[in-house]
Amino acid sequence: ARSLTRDSIPRLQDHAPGQRQVLFAACELGVFDLLAEAPEPLGAAAVAARLGTSSHGTELLLDTCVSLKLLQVETKTGKALYQNTELSSTYLVRASPKCQGNMLRYLARTTYLCWGHLTQAVRDGRNQYLEAFGVPSDQLFSAIYRSEDERLQFMRGLQDVWSVSGRPVLGAFDLSPFPLICDVGGCSGALAKECTSLYPACRVAVFDTPEVVQTAEKHFSFPEAARISFCAGDFFKDPLPEADLYILARVLHDWTDERCSRLLARIHGACKPGGGVLVIESLLAADGRGPLTAQLYSLNMLVQTEGRERTPAQYRALLAAAGFRHVQCRRTGGLYDAILAMR
């Protein structure tokens, strides 16, 4: 199966609104799962009957999915028969270990509702939770995790993301010299799982808010339980777990430069001599004008958070100001890139 690159699922996510809704509707209705389970390609009438949808609407949806390269069609005796493409089989079928369905559902129900207020976000320079959901966002993650269901959906979405993107970023540098790792803001522990799989000698402590830790322990399984532990706290205020390496994955892009500097200074203070920090983010080009996916992610940070995506030079400056040295940036060719800095 093809790897998840800036040209696959991101291409689908970043289409015009109508095309995105086709993807979301097909996922929610279970089109890709149905076709994956069928022993042979199905016609529109058969798909409609099994999904309980209208024949007319189903045919329109299926044909549009064909144009989006999500389905393929062949005609036999004048009848159109549909089946999944490699792309949808890999990333849109629930049974696939690389399925991105949970993240797509989060995008459909939350992210793109905020994007509907992009014009106002550009005017105001702030996120749009109040406008989209009526939720104040002065405490950012109280808005992002505005209900237990929303928190769980977001955490399941990150499971999907790291099932595909975890290994490339964790393998960008050799992390075997760091036996004790702390994943700061590590959410469900999905990246920790990938880390313990890639580096069998390491142990990972996942540090996140008490509500996130409680949800992770309730809803997610950890076969590597002896090597993955959870610690609850506020990474801006509370003591950080001891570690040889701290990971900040999709964390710094949530925050302003001032708050990033504060967090990096705290990590530098907790870091052992010879230790370091691994920053995982989608890097902008040196001039900030590309790649397109990173630019769109940066606009997403505008409508959903307090932060933005950054260039390698901007991250180098933040890390140097916090006291880190020997900063190395590596692009992975995937959705996220890696920056390693040493104390």
Protein backbone atom coordinates (compact mmCIF):
# COMPACT_ATOMS: atom_id res chain seq x y z
CA ALA A 1 0.00 0.00 0.00
CA ARG A 2 1.18 3.48 -0.75
CA SER A 3 2.50 5.53 2.13
CA LEU A 4 0.58 8.50 3.50
CA THR A 5 2.28 11.51 1.96
CA ARG A 6 1.42 15.15 1.36
CA ASP A 7 -0.20 13.93 -1.90
CA SER A 8 -2.66 11.29 -0.63
CA ILE A 9 -5.13 11.81 2.24
CA PRO A 10 -4.10 15.47 2.65
CA ARG A 11 -5.06 15.93 -0.99
CA LEU A 12 -8.50 14.57 -0.13
CA GLN A 13 -8.83 16.66 3.03
CA ASP A 14 -7.80 19.88 1.29
CA HIS A 15 -10.26 19.72 -1.63
CA ALA A 16 -13.05 22.23 -2.12
CA PRO A 17 -15.85 21.99 0.46
CA GLY A 18 -18.15 19.93 -1.77
CA GLN A 19 -15.47 17.34 -2.42
CA ARG A 20 -14.64 17.10 1.28
CA GLN A 21 -18.31 16.49 2.06
CA VAL A 22 -18.38 13.64 -0.48
CA LEU A 23 -15.50 12.01 1.39
CA PHE A 24 -17.10 12.59 4.79
CA ALA A 25 -20.52 11.32 3.68
CA ALA A 26 -19.11 8.18 2.09
CA CYS A 27 -17.16 7.41 5.27
CA GLU A 28 -20.11 8.08 7.57
CA LEU A 29 -22.49 5.95 5.48
CA GLY A 30 -20.01 3.07 5.43
CA VAL A 31 -19.54 2.89 1.65
CA PHE A 32 -15.90 1.82 1.80
CA ASP A 33 -16.48 -0.76 4.53
CA LEU A 34 -19.38 -2.29 2.62
CA LEU A 35 -17.38 -2.61 -0.59
CA ALA A 36 -14.40 -4.03 1.31
CA GLU A 37 -16.57 -6.75 2.84
CA ALA A 38 -18.41 -7.63 -0.39
CA PRO A 39 -17.02 -10.70 -2.19
CA GLU A 40 -17.35 -8.92 -5.55
CA PRO A 41 -17.96 -5.38 -6.91
CA LEU A 42 -21.45 -4.05 -6.25
CA GLY A 43 -23.90 -2.00 -8.27
CA ALA A 44 -25.44 1.21 -6.98
CA ALA A 45 -28.78 -0.48 -6.26
CA ALA A 46 -27.12 -3.16 -4.14
CA VAL A 47 -25.10 -0.57 -2.22
CA ALA A 48 -28.23 1.50 -1.61
CA ALA A 49 -30.21 -1.52 -0.42
CA ARG A 50 -27.53 -2.56 2.06
CA LEU A 51 -26.92 0.96 3.37
CA GLY A 52 -30.59 1.90 3.48
CA THR A 53 -30.05 4.92 1.25
CA SER A 54 -31.83 6.20 -1.85
CA SER A 55 -30.82 4.66 -5.17
CA HIS A 56 -30.57 8.07 -6.83
CA GLY A 57 -28.43 9.67 -4.14
CA THR A 58 -26.23 6.60 -3.82
CA GLU A 59 -25.47 6.49 -7.53
CA LEU A 60 -24.52 10.17 -7.52
CA LEU A 61 -22.26 9.68 -4.49
CA LEU A 62 -20.55 6.60 -5.91
CA ASP A 63 -19.85 8.20 -9.27
CA THR A 64 -18.38 11.27 -7.59
CA CYS A 65 -16.16 9.00 -5.49
CA VAL A 66 -14.94 7.48 -8.75
CA SER A 67 -13.95 10.94 -10.01
CA LEU A 68 -12.12 11.55 -6.72
CA LYS A 69 -10.18 8.27 -7.20
CA LEU A 70 -11.78 6.83 -4.06
CA LEU A 71 -13.64 4.14 -6.02
CA GLN A 72 -13.16 2.40 -9.32
CA VAL A 73 -15.94 1.30 -11.62
CA GLU A 74 -16.32 -1.27 -14.36
CA THR A 75 -19.33 -1.84 -16.60
CA LYS A 76 -20.63 -5.34 -17.21
CA THR A 77 -23.66 -5.96 -19.40
CA GLY A 78 -24.53 -2.30 -19.12
CA LYS A 79 -24.36 -2.26 -15.30
CA ALA A 80 -21.86 -0.15 -13.35
CA LEU A 81 -20.07 -2.12 -10.60
CA TYR A 82 -18.04 -0.35 -7.91
CA GLN A 83 -15.09 -1.33 -5.73
CA ASN A 84 -12.50 0.41 -3.58
CA THR A 85 -9.24 1.79 -4.91
CA GLU A 86 -5.90 1.12 -3.21
CA LEU A 87 -6.14 4.54 -1.55
CA SER A 88 -9.56 3.94 0.01
CA SER A 89 -8.74 0.33 0.92
CA THR A 90 -5.69 1.52 2.84
CA TYR A 91 -6.98 4.66 4.54
CA LEU A 92 -10.79 4.58 4.55
CA VAL A 93 -11.75 1.01 5.47
CA ARG A 94 -12.21 0.51 9.22
CA ALA A 95 -10.51 -2.89 9.20
CA SER A 96 -7.29 -1.42 7.79
CA PRO A 97 -4.59 -0.73 10.41
CA LYS A 98 -3.95 2.55 8.62
CA CYS A 99 -7.57 3.69 8.51
CA GLN A 100 -7.99 7.45 9.00
CA GLY A 101 -11.74 7.34 9.59
CA ASN A 102 -11.67 8.70 13.13
CA MET A 103 -9.63 11.72 12.15
CA LEU A 104 -11.88 12.34 9.15
CA ARG A 105 -14.92 12.24 11.42
CA TYR A 106 -13.26 14.77 13.73
CA LEU A 107 -12.51 17.00 10.76
CA ALA A 108 -16.08 16.75 9.50
CA ARG A 109 -17.78 17.47 12.84
CA THR A 110 -15.37 20.00 14.34
CA THR A 111 -12.53 21.29 12.21
CA TYR A 112 -14.52 22.28 9.13
CA LEU A 113 -17.19 23.98 11.21
CA CYS A 114 -14.42 26.27 12.47
CA TRP A 115 -13.19 26.72 8.90
CA GLY A 116 -16.63 28.05 8.05
CA HIS A 117 -15.59 31.13 10.05
CA LEU A 118 -12.19 31.61 8.38
CA THR A 119 -13.03 35.12 7.21
CA GLN A 120 -13.79 36.19 10.78
CA ALA A 121 -10.65 34.42 12.03
CA VAL A 122 -8.54 36.44 9.60
CA ARG A 123 -10.25 39.64 10.73
CA ASP A 124 -9.85 38.85 14.44
CA GLY A 125 -6.62 36.83 14.45
CA ARG A 126 -8.11 34.25 16.84
CA ASN A 127 -9.74 30.82 16.85
CA GLN A 128 -13.43 30.40 16.16
CA TYR A 129 -14.79 28.06 18.86
CA LEU A 130 -17.09 30.75 20.21
CA GLU A 131 -18.57 31.41 16.78
CA ALA A 132 -18.78 27.75 15.70
CA PHE A 133 -19.87 26.13 18.98
CA GLY A 134 -20.68 28.92 21.42
CA VAL A 135 -17.76 27.80 23.60
CA PRO A 136 -15.35 30.40 25.08
CA SER A 137 -11.75 29.61 24.17
CA ASP A 138 -9.79 31.60 26.74
CA GLN A 139 -8.75 28.18 28.09
CA LEU A 140 -7.83 26.56 24.78
CA PHE A 141 -8.15 22.88 25.58
CA SER A 142 -11.35 23.39 27.54
CA ALA A 143 -12.76 24.43 24.16
CA ILE A 144 -11.03 21.69 22.17
CA TYR A 145 -12.12 19.04 24.70
CA ARG A 146 -15.53 20.63 25.23
CA SER A 147 -17.21 17.28 26.01
CA GLU A 148 -16.08 13.75 26.84
CA ASP A 149 -17.28 12.55 23.43
CA GLU A 150 -15.33 15.30 21.66
CA ARG A 151 -12.20 14.50 23.66
CA LEU A 152 -12.52 10.80 22.80
CA GLN A 153 -13.08 11.54 19.09
CA PHE A 154 -9.98 13.74 18.98
CA MET A 155 -7.91 11.09 20.75
CA ARG A 156 -9.10 8.39 18.37
CA GLY A 157 -8.21 10.69 15.50
CA LEU A 158 -4.65 10.96 16.78
CA GLN A 159 -4.50 7.16 16.97
CA ASP A 160 -5.16 7.19 13.23
CA VAL A 161 -2.56 9.88 12.54
CA TRP A 162 0.27 8.15 14.38
CA SER A 163 -0.60 4.72 12.97
CA VAL A 164 0.67 6.10 9.66
CA SER A 165 2.92 9.05 10.52
CA GLY A 166 4.49 7.81 13.77
CA ARG A 167 7.30 5.65 12.43
CA PRO A 168 8.63 8.13 9.84
CA VAL A 169 9.06 10.92 12.42
CA LEU A 170 10.38 8.65 15.16
CA GLY A 171 12.83 7.11 12.71
CA ALA A 172 14.07 10.43 11.33
CA PHE A 173 16.78 10.32 14.02
CA ASP A 174 18.25 7.39 15.92
CA LEU A 175 16.55 7.64 19.32
CA SER A 176 18.06 4.44 20.74
CA PRO A 177 20.52 6.45 22.96
CA PHE A 178 17.47 7.71 24.91
CA PRO A 179 16.14 4.82 27.02
CA LEU A 180 13.67 6.93 29.01
CA ILE A 181 11.33 9.12 26.95
CA CYS A 182 8.54 11.48 27.96
CA ASP A 183 5.84 12.24 25.39
CA VAL A 184 4.61 15.66 26.54
CA GLY A 185 0.99 16.14 25.54
CA GLY A 186 1.03 12.51 24.40
CA CYS A 187 -2.76 12.15 24.44
CA SER A 188 -3.89 8.52 23.93
CA GLY A 189 -0.38 7.05 23.94
CA ALA A 190 -0.51 6.22 20.22
CA LEU A 191 2.90 7.75 19.49
CA ALA A 192 4.31 6.05 22.60
CA LYS A 193 3.17 2.70 21.16
CA GLU A 194 4.98 3.40 17.91
CA CYS A 195 8.06 4.46 19.87
CA THR A 196 8.24 1.30 21.98
CA SER A 197 7.71 -0.78 18.84
CA LEU A 198 10.52 0.96 16.96
CA TYR A 199 12.89 1.12 19.95
CA PRO A 200 12.37 -2.07 22.01
CA ALA A 201 14.73 -0.97 24.80
CA CYS A 202 12.97 2.31 25.56
CA ARG A 203 10.28 3.20 28.10
CA VAL A 204 7.83 6.04 27.52
CA ALA A 205 5.94 8.18 30.02
CA VAL A 206 2.92 9.93 28.49
CA PHE A 207 2.24 13.28 30.17
CA ASP A 208 -1.13 14.94 29.64
CA THR A 209 -4.05 16.48 31.51
CA PRO A 210 -5.90 14.38 34.11
CA GLU A 211 -8.99 14.18 31.88
CA VAL A 212 -6.98 12.93 28.91
CA VAL A 213 -5.11 10.38 31.02
CA GLN A 214 -8.39 9.09 32.46
CA THR A 215 -9.90 8.76 28.96
CA ALA A 216 -6.78 7.02 27.64
CA GLU A 217 -6.76 4.46 30.43
CA LYS A 218 -10.50 3.84 30.02
CA HIS A 219 -10.77 3.54 26.25
CA PHE A 220 -7.39 2.49 24.84
CA SER A 221 -5.48 -0.77 25.27
CA PHE A 222 -1.75 -0.96 25.87
CA PRO A 223 -0.12 -4.33 25.14
CA GLU A 224 3.20 -2.63 25.99
CA ALA A 225 1.87 -1.61 29.43
CA ALA A 226 5.15 -2.51 31.14
CA ARG A 227 6.96 0.06 28.99
CA ILE A 228 4.29 2.79 28.69
CA SER A 229 3.08 4.75 31.71
CA PHE A 230 0.81 7.78 32.14
CA CYS A 231 1.38 10.87 34.24
CA ALA A 232 -1.24 13.59 34.74
CA GLY A 233 -0.58 17.30 34.98
CA ASP A 234 -0.39 20.67 33.25
CA PHE A 235 2.83 20.91 31.25
CA PHE A 236 2.91 24.68 31.71
CA LYS A 237 2.78 24.42 35.51
CA ASP A 238 3.43 20.97 36.97
CA PRO A 239 6.74 19.10 37.32
CA LEU A 240 7.59 17.07 34.22
CA PRO A 241 8.51 13.39 34.49
CA GLU A 242 12.21 12.62 34.43
CA ALA A 243 13.43 11.61 30.96
CA ASP A 244 16.42 11.40 28.64
CA LEU A 245 14.35 12.72 25.74
CA TYR A 246 11.17 14.80 25.66
CA ILE A 247 8.85 14.57 22.67
CA LEU A 248 6.61 17.46 21.63
CA ALA A 249 4.42 16.11 18.81
CA ARG A 250 1.80 18.46 17.39
CA VAL A 251 2.10 20.55 20.55
CA LEU A 252 4.06 23.71 19.77
CA HIS A 253 1.87 24.53 16.77
CA ASP A 254 -1.04 25.06 19.21
CA TRP A 255 0.62 27.96 20.99
CA THR A 256 2.03 31.47 20.61
CA ASP A 257 5.78 32.02 20.53
CA GLU A 258 5.65 33.26 24.13
CA ARG A 259 3.97 30.10 25.42
CA CYS A 260 6.21 27.87 23.29
CA SER A 261 9.23 29.59 24.82
CA ARG A 262 7.84 29.02 28.30
CA LEU A 263 7.25 25.31 27.65
CA LEU A 264 10.64 24.76 26.01
CA ALA A 265 12.38 26.51 28.92
CA ARG A 266 10.59 24.18 31.36
CA ILE A 267 11.66 21.14 29.33
CA HIS A 268 15.25 22.41 29.16
CA GLY A 269 15.22 22.76 32.94
CA ALA A 270 13.95 19.20 33.38
CA CYS A 271 16.26 17.72 30.76
CA LYS A 272 19.24 15.64 31.89
CA PRO A 273 22.73 16.61 30.66
CA GLY A 274 23.10 14.94 27.29
CA GLY A 275 19.35 14.74 26.93
CA GLY A 276 17.24 16.43 24.32
CA VAL A 277 13.88 17.29 22.85
CA LEU A 278 12.26 15.95 19.69
CA VAL A 279 9.80 18.37 18.07
CA ILE A 280 7.37 16.85 15.57
CA GLU A 281 5.51 19.33 13.39
CA SER A 282 4.65 20.09 9.77
CA LEU A 283 7.46 22.40 8.67
CA LEU A 284 6.90 25.37 6.41
CA ALA A 285 9.43 26.23 3.72
CA ALA A 286 12.15 28.70 4.63
CA ASP A 287 10.13 31.62 3.22
CA GLY A 288 6.85 30.38 4.75
CA ARG A 289 5.23 30.06 1.31
CA GLY A 290 4.77 26.31 1.12
CA PRO A 291 4.34 23.44 1.11
CA LEU A 292 0.60 23.93 0.61
CA THR A 293 -0.36 21.28 3.18
CA ALA A 294 1.68 23.01 5.89
CA GLN A 295 0.19 26.38 4.93
CA LEU A 296 -3.33 24.95 5.23
CA TYR A 297 -2.40 23.42 8.59
CA SER A 298 -1.22 26.86 9.68
CA LEU A 299 -4.58 28.37 8.75
CA ASN A 300 -6.17 25.51 10.67
CA MET A 301 -4.18 26.57 13.72
CA LEU A 302 -5.64 30.05 13.25
CA VAL A 303 -9.26 28.82 13.31
CA GLN A 304 -8.73 26.19 16.05
CA THR A 305 -5.84 27.18 18.33
CA GLU A 306 -3.58 30.04 19.44
CA GLY A 307 -0.66 29.02 17.27
CA ARG A 308 0.66 28.38 13.76
CA GLU A 309 3.01 26.16 11.78
CA ARG A 310 6.59 27.45 11.59
CA THR A 311 9.72 27.37 9.48
CA PRO A 312 12.87 25.49 10.56
CA ALA A 313 14.53 28.84 11.37
CA GLN A 314 11.64 29.83 13.63
CA TYR A 315 11.90 26.57 15.57
CA ARG A 316 15.68 26.92 15.78
CA ALA A 317 15.23 30.36 17.31
CA LEU A 318 12.71 29.12 19.88
CA LEU A 319 14.92 26.18 20.85
CA ALA A 320 18.09 28.27 21.06
CA ALA A 321 16.38 30.85 23.26
CA ALA A 322 15.40 28.04 25.65
CA GLY A 323 19.01 26.88 25.88
CA PHE A 324 19.02 23.96 23.45
CA ARG A 325 21.95 23.41 21.09
CA HIS A 326 22.88 21.26 18.08
CA VAL A 327 19.46 21.67 16.48
CA GLN A 328 18.87 19.37 13.50
CA CYS A 329 15.82 19.51 11.22
CA ARG A 330 14.77 16.60 9.02
CA ARG A 331 11.94 16.53 6.51
CA THR A 332 10.35 13.10 6.22
CA GLY A 333 8.38 13.55 3.00
CA GLY A 334 5.22 12.81 4.97
CA LEU A 335 2.74 14.92 6.90
CA TYR A 336 5.10 15.71 9.77
CA ASP A 337 8.79 16.48 10.08
CA ALA A 338 11.25 16.12 12.94
CA ILE A 339 13.57 18.46 14.85
CA LEU A 340 16.08 17.12 17.38
CA ALA A 341 17.82 19.50 19.80
CA MET A 342 20.22 18.67 22.61
CA ARG A 343 20.65 20.22 26.04
